[in-house]
């Protein structure tokens, strides 16, 4: 695992994680990242510009990582943006959303977008997408818990194929 630097409140850099995971039985590897982009709140002013910069850098990093490693990638987190996040990310990086949102020459949103996202490359399939707002979740978080079943396809060892330096 490692971290990548992205702009957060007032442009301060926050390091966010990404990790290479391997399925023990099949050897298939995939990358997983978690982002938290800044919200417009909390006395920090309008963070839209910092979010846009973060999305641009996250998309660049995702595209480069997948090109270098040939491994699937899953991106999840609190992006603090709805269609603006998804369309900005998916138009630059080959991603689709667990909620059914897609980008194929144009942004196609599936239902009501939320600010928490799960995205994957073409070799990641999602099913059972849910936003859990049960009583326990409402008592412990100001966000729904977003869940989906994930099927990753690939070849064993793909994620370790890093002939160049990983950005």
C-alpha atoms as a PDB file:
ATOM      1  CA  UNK A   1       0.000   0.000   0.000  1.00  0.00           C
ATOM      2  CA  UNK A   2       0.865   3.633  -0.394  1.00  0.00           C
ATOM      3  CA  UNK A   3      -0.708   7.060  -0.290  1.00  0.00           C
ATOM      4  CA  UNK A   4      -1.225   9.736  -2.931  1.00  0.00           C
ATOM      5  CA  UNK A   5      -1.434  13.504  -2.241  1.00  0.00           C
ATOM      6  CA  UNK A   6      -4.640  15.363  -3.152  1.00  0.00           C
ATOM      7  CA  UNK A   7      -5.938  18.859  -2.301  1.00  0.00           C
ATOM      8  CA  UNK A   8      -8.319  19.121   0.619  1.00  0.00           C
ATOM      9  CA  UNK A   9      -9.713  22.087   2.583  1.00  0.00           C
ATOM     10  CA  UNK A  10      -8.148  25.368   1.417  1.00  0.00           C
ATOM     11  CA  UNK A  11      -5.840  23.347  -0.849  1.00  0.00           C
ATOM     12  CA  UNK A  12      -3.962  21.685   2.003  1.00  0.00           C
ATOM     13  CA  UNK A  13      -2.643  18.317   0.882  1.00  0.00           C
ATOM     14  CA  UNK A  14      -4.147  15.171   2.367  1.00  0.00           C
ATOM     15  CA  UNK A  15      -2.587  11.800   1.623  1.00  0.00           C
ATOM     16  CA  UNK A  16      -5.168   9.212   0.576  1.00  0.00           C
ATOM     17  CA  UNK A  17      -4.568   5.451   0.433  1.00  0.00           C
ATOM     18  CA  UNK A  18      -4.351   2.955  -2.375  1.00  0.00           C
ATOM     19  CA  UNK A  19      -3.450  -0.677  -1.956  1.00  0.00           C
ATOM     20  CA  UNK A  20      -2.822  -3.680  -4.188  1.00  0.00           C
ATOM     21  CA  UNK A  21      -4.936  -6.635  -3.056  1.00  0.00           C
ATOM     22  CA  UNK A  22      -4.643 -10.282  -4.139  1.00  0.00           C
ATOM     23  CA  UNK A  23      -7.283 -12.998  -3.986  1.00  0.00           C
ATOM     24  CA  UNK A  24      -5.612 -15.902  -2.190  1.00  0.00           C
ATOM     25  CA  UNK A  25      -7.217 -18.719  -4.210  1.00  0.00           C
ATOM     26  CA  UNK A  26      -6.981 -17.259  -7.730  1.00  0.00           C
ATOM     27  CA  UNK A  27      -4.004 -14.920  -7.444  1.00  0.00           C
ATOM     28  CA  UNK A  28      -5.996 -12.186  -9.235  1.00  0.00           C
ATOM     29  CA  UNK A  29      -4.816  -8.767  -8.110  1.00  0.00           C
ATOM     30  CA  UNK A  30      -6.621  -5.447  -8.097  1.00  0.00           C
ATOM     31  CA  UNK A  31      -6.012  -1.946  -6.811  1.00  0.00           C
ATOM     32  CA  UNK A  32      -8.309  -0.278  -4.267  1.00  0.00           C
ATOM     33  CA  UNK A  33      -8.349   3.437  -3.439  1.00  0.00           C
ATOM     34  CA  UNK A  34     -10.321   5.549  -1.015  1.00  0.00           C
ATOM     35  CA  UNK A  35     -10.817   9.275  -1.512  1.00  0.00           C
ATOM     36  CA  UNK A  36     -12.374  12.009   0.597  1.00  0.00           C
ATOM     37  CA  UNK A  37     -12.694  15.217  -1.381  1.00  0.00           C
ATOM     38  CA  UNK A  38     -13.398  18.518   0.425  1.00  0.00           C
ATOM     39  CA  UNK A  39     -16.945  19.673   1.064  1.00  0.00           C
ATOM     40  CA  UNK A  40     -18.218  23.221   0.877  1.00  0.00           C
ATOM     41  CA  UNK A  41     -18.912  23.585   4.577  1.00  0.00           C
ATOM     42  CA  UNK A  42     -17.453  23.981   7.989  1.00  0.00           C
ATOM     43  CA  UNK A  43     -16.163  27.529   7.635  1.00  0.00           C
ATOM     44  CA  UNK A  44     -13.732  26.647   4.821  1.00  0.00           C
ATOM     45  CA  UNK A  45     -15.648  28.401   2.048  1.00  0.00           C
ATOM     46  CA  UNK A  46     -16.477  27.075  -1.386  1.00  0.00           C
ATOM     47  CA  UNK A  47     -14.349  23.990  -2.062  1.00  0.00           C
ATOM     48  CA  UNK A  48     -15.608  23.329  -5.624  1.00  0.00           C
ATOM     49  CA  UNK A  49     -12.266  24.334  -7.143  1.00  0.00           C
ATOM     50  CA  UNK A  50     -10.310  22.052  -4.814  1.00  0.00           C
ATOM     51  CA  UNK A  51     -12.722  19.182  -5.569  1.00  0.00           C
ATOM     52  CA  UNK A  52     -12.287  19.758  -9.307  1.00  0.00           C
ATOM     53  CA  UNK A  53      -8.504  19.715  -8.942  1.00  0.00           C
ATOM     54  CA  UNK A  54      -8.665  16.549  -6.825  1.00  0.00           C
ATOM     55  CA  UNK A  55     -10.897  14.784  -9.370  1.00  0.00           C
ATOM     56  CA  UNK A  56      -8.551  15.746 -12.204  1.00  0.00           C
ATOM     57  CA  UNK A  57      -5.528  14.401 -10.306  1.00  0.00           C
ATOM     58  CA  UNK A  58      -7.390  11.259  -9.150  1.00  0.00           C
ATOM     59  CA  UNK A  59      -8.489  10.499 -12.729  1.00  0.00           C
ATOM     60  CA  UNK A  60      -4.936  11.021 -14.011  1.00  0.00           C
ATOM     61  CA  UNK A  61      -3.549   8.727 -11.317  1.00  0.00           C
ATOM     62  CA  UNK A  62      -6.225   6.076 -11.998  1.00  0.00           C
ATOM     63  CA  UNK A  63      -5.587   6.096 -15.741  1.00  0.00           C
ATOM     64  CA  UNK A  64      -1.819   5.877 -15.271  1.00  0.00           C
ATOM     65  CA  UNK A  65      -2.039   3.121 -12.649  1.00  0.00           C
ATOM     66  CA  UNK A  66      -4.326   0.952 -14.802  1.00  0.00           C
ATOM     67  CA  UNK A  67      -2.182   1.536 -17.918  1.00  0.00           C
ATOM     68  CA  UNK A  68       1.020   0.563 -16.085  1.00  0.00           C
ATOM     69  CA  UNK A  69      -0.271  -2.431 -14.161  1.00  0.00           C
ATOM     70  CA  UNK A  70      -3.075  -3.739 -16.421  1.00  0.00           C
ATOM     71  CA  UNK A  71      -4.922  -4.537 -13.171  1.00  0.00           C
ATOM     72  CA  UNK A  72      -8.511  -3.706 -12.211  1.00  0.00           C
ATOM     73  CA  UNK A  73      -9.124  -0.666 -10.009  1.00  0.00           C
ATOM     74  CA  UNK A  74     -11.881   0.069  -7.494  1.00  0.00           C
ATOM     75  CA  UNK A  75     -12.357   3.637  -6.250  1.00  0.00           C
ATOM     76  CA  UNK A  76     -14.582   4.364  -3.255  1.00  0.00           C
ATOM     77  CA  UNK A  77     -15.191   7.244  -0.925  1.00  0.00           C
ATOM     78  CA  UNK A  78     -16.905  10.465   0.038  1.00  0.00           C
ATOM     79  CA  UNK A  79     -16.411  12.666  -3.013  1.00  0.00           C
ATOM     80  CA  UNK A  80     -18.717  15.472  -1.788  1.00  0.00           C
ATOM     81  CA  UNK A  81     -20.142  15.842  -5.293  1.00  0.00           C
ATOM     82  CA  UNK A  82     -22.885  14.119  -7.210  1.00  0.00           C
ATOM     83  CA  UNK A  83     -22.934  13.998 -11.037  1.00  0.00           C
ATOM     84  CA  UNK A  84     -20.118  16.561 -11.189  1.00  0.00           C
ATOM     85  CA  UNK A  85     -17.790  14.039  -9.538  1.00  0.00           C
ATOM     86  CA  UNK A  86     -18.863  11.014 -11.537  1.00  0.00           C
ATOM     87  CA  UNK A  87     -18.901  12.753 -14.918  1.00  0.00           C
ATOM     88  CA  UNK A  88     -15.555  14.434 -14.221  1.00  0.00           C
ATOM     89  CA  UNK A  89     -13.918  11.162 -13.165  1.00  0.00           C
ATOM     90  CA  UNK A  90     -15.494   8.833 -15.730  1.00  0.00           C
ATOM     91  CA  UNK A  91     -14.863  11.192 -18.659  1.00  0.00           C
ATOM     92  CA  UNK A  92     -11.114  11.064 -17.912  1.00  0.00           C
ATOM     93  CA  UNK A  93     -10.639   7.548 -16.521  1.00  0.00           C
ATOM     94  CA  UNK A  94     -12.248   4.304 -17.749  1.00  0.00           C
ATOM     95  CA  UNK A  95     -14.678   3.923 -14.832  1.00  0.00           C
ATOM     96  CA  UNK A  96     -18.326   3.008 -14.206  1.00  0.00           C
ATOM     97  CA  UNK A  97     -20.311   3.222 -10.979  1.00  0.00           C
ATOM     98  CA  UNK A  98     -21.778   0.522  -8.774  1.00  0.00           C
ATOM     99  CA  UNK A  99     -25.073   2.477  -8.890  1.00  0.00           C
ATOM    100  CA  UNK A 100     -25.294   1.926 -12.672  1.00  0.00           C
ATOM    101  CA  UNK A 101     -23.991   5.316 -13.819  1.00  0.00           C
ATOM    102  CA  UNK A 102     -21.861   5.038 -16.963  1.00  0.00           C
ATOM    103  CA  UNK A 103     -19.816   7.147 -19.334  1.00  0.00           C
ATOM    104  CA  UNK A 104     -19.667   6.197 -23.007  1.00  0.00           C
ATOM    105  CA  UNK A 105     -19.097   9.387 -24.934  1.00  0.00           C
ATOM    106  CA  UNK A 106     -21.498  11.089 -22.544  1.00  0.00           C
ATOM    107  CA  UNK A 107     -22.411  10.944 -18.882  1.00  0.00           C
ATOM    108  CA  UNK A 108     -25.404   8.764 -18.022  1.00  0.00           C
ATOM    109  CA  UNK A 109     -26.551   8.963 -14.424  1.00  0.00           C
ATOM    110  CA  UNK A 110     -28.523   6.099 -12.887  1.00  0.00           C
ATOM    111  CA  UNK A 111     -31.238   7.504 -10.670  1.00  0.00           C
ATOM    112  CA  UNK A 112     -30.534   9.969  -7.892  1.00  0.00           C
ATOM    113  CA  UNK A 113     -26.781  10.485  -7.449  1.00  0.00           C
ATOM    114  CA  UNK A 114     -25.320  10.762  -3.981  1.00  0.00           C
ATOM    115  CA  UNK A 115     -21.930  12.111  -2.799  1.00  0.00           C
ATOM    116  CA  UNK A 116     -20.523   8.700  -1.791  1.00  0.00           C
ATOM    117  CA  UNK A 117     -19.328   6.596  -4.708  1.00  0.00           C
ATOM    118  CA  UNK A 118     -18.010   3.151  -5.627  1.00  0.00           C
ATOM    119  CA  UNK A 119     -16.435   3.023  -9.105  1.00  0.00           C
ATOM    120  CA  UNK A 120     -14.592   0.340 -11.019  1.00  0.00           C
ATOM    121  CA  UNK A 121     -12.738  -0.221 -14.265  1.00  0.00           C
ATOM    122  CA  UNK A 122     -14.272  -2.362 -17.027  1.00  0.00           C
ATOM    123  CA  UNK A 123     -12.959  -5.564 -15.432  1.00  0.00           C
ATOM    124  CA  UNK A 124     -14.966  -4.869 -12.255  1.00  0.00           C
ATOM    125  CA  UNK A 125     -18.648  -5.897 -12.176  1.00  0.00           C
ATOM    126  CA  UNK A 126     -21.067  -4.698  -9.516  1.00  0.00           C
ATOM    127  CA  UNK A 127     -24.357  -6.087  -8.243  1.00  0.00           C
ATOM    128  CA  UNK A 128     -26.628  -5.554  -5.257  1.00  0.00           C
ATOM    129  CA  UNK A 129     -25.911  -1.811  -4.941  1.00  0.00           C
ATOM    130  CA  UNK A 130     -27.545  -0.269  -1.857  1.00  0.00           C
ATOM    131  CA  UNK A 131     -27.442   2.914   0.184  1.00  0.00           C
ATOM    132  CA  UNK A 132     -28.150   1.786   3.742  1.00  0.00           C
ATOM    133  CA  UNK A 133     -29.906   4.414   5.875  1.00  0.00           C
ATOM    134  CA  UNK A 134     -31.097   2.039   8.598  1.00  0.00           C
ATOM    135  CA  UNK A 135     -31.508   3.277  12.158  1.00  0.00           C
ATOM    136  CA  UNK A 136     -28.071   2.045  13.204  1.00  0.00           C
ATOM    137  CA  UNK A 137     -26.426   3.805  10.250  1.00  0.00           C
ATOM    138  CA  UNK A 138     -28.302   7.067  10.948  1.00  0.00           C
ATOM    139  CA  UNK A 139     -27.167   6.864  14.575  1.00  0.00           C
ATOM    140  CA  UNK A 140     -23.501   6.425  13.622  1.00  0.00           C
ATOM    141  CA  UNK A 141     -22.967   8.443  10.426  1.00  0.00           C
ATOM    142  CA  UNK A 142     -24.245  11.489   8.566  1.00  0.00           C
ATOM    143  CA  UNK A 143     -23.943   9.467   5.326  1.00  0.00           C
ATOM    144  CA  UNK A 144     -25.646   6.308   4.166  1.00  0.00           C
ATOM    145  CA  UNK A 145     -23.384   3.261   4.061  1.00  0.00           C
ATOM    146  CA  UNK A 146     -22.907   2.415   0.381  1.00  0.00           C
ATOM    147  CA  UNK A 147     -22.473  -1.294  -0.384  1.00  0.00           C
ATOM    148  CA  UNK A 148     -22.224  -3.484  -3.484  1.00  0.00           C
ATOM    149  CA  UNK A 149     -21.075  -6.960  -4.349  1.00  0.00           C
ATOM    150  CA  UNK A 150     -17.983  -6.888  -6.551  1.00  0.00           C
ATOM    151  CA  UNK A 151     -16.634  -9.373  -9.096  1.00  0.00           C
ATOM    152  CA  UNK A 152     -13.114  -8.676 -10.333  1.00  0.00           C
ATOM    153  CA  UNK A 153     -11.723 -10.366 -13.430  1.00  0.00           C
ATOM    154  CA  UNK A 154      -8.078 -10.382 -14.361  1.00  0.00           C
ATOM    155  CA  UNK A 155      -5.004 -12.515 -14.583  1.00  0.00           C
ATOM    156  CA  UNK A 156      -2.901 -13.554 -11.595  1.00  0.00           C
ATOM    157  CA  UNK A 157      -0.088 -11.102 -10.936  1.00  0.00           C
ATOM    158  CA  UNK A 158      -1.434  -8.290 -13.149  1.00  0.00           C
ATOM    159  CA  UNK A 159      -1.255  -5.697 -10.379  1.00  0.00           C
ATOM    160  CA  UNK A 160       2.421  -6.266  -9.763  1.00  0.00           C
ATOM    161  CA  UNK A 161       3.245  -5.593 -13.419  1.00  0.00           C
ATOM    162  CA  UNK A 162       4.901  -2.241 -12.793  1.00  0.00           C
ATOM    163  CA  UNK A 163       7.639  -1.910 -15.363  1.00  0.00           C
ATOM    164  CA  UNK A 164       7.714   1.858 -14.847  1.00  0.00           C
ATOM    165  CA  UNK A 165       7.466   3.734 -11.586  1.00  0.00           C
ATOM    166  CA  UNK A 166       3.915   3.810 -10.286  1.00  0.00           C
ATOM    167  CA  UNK A 167       2.796   7.427 -10.072  1.00  0.00           C
END
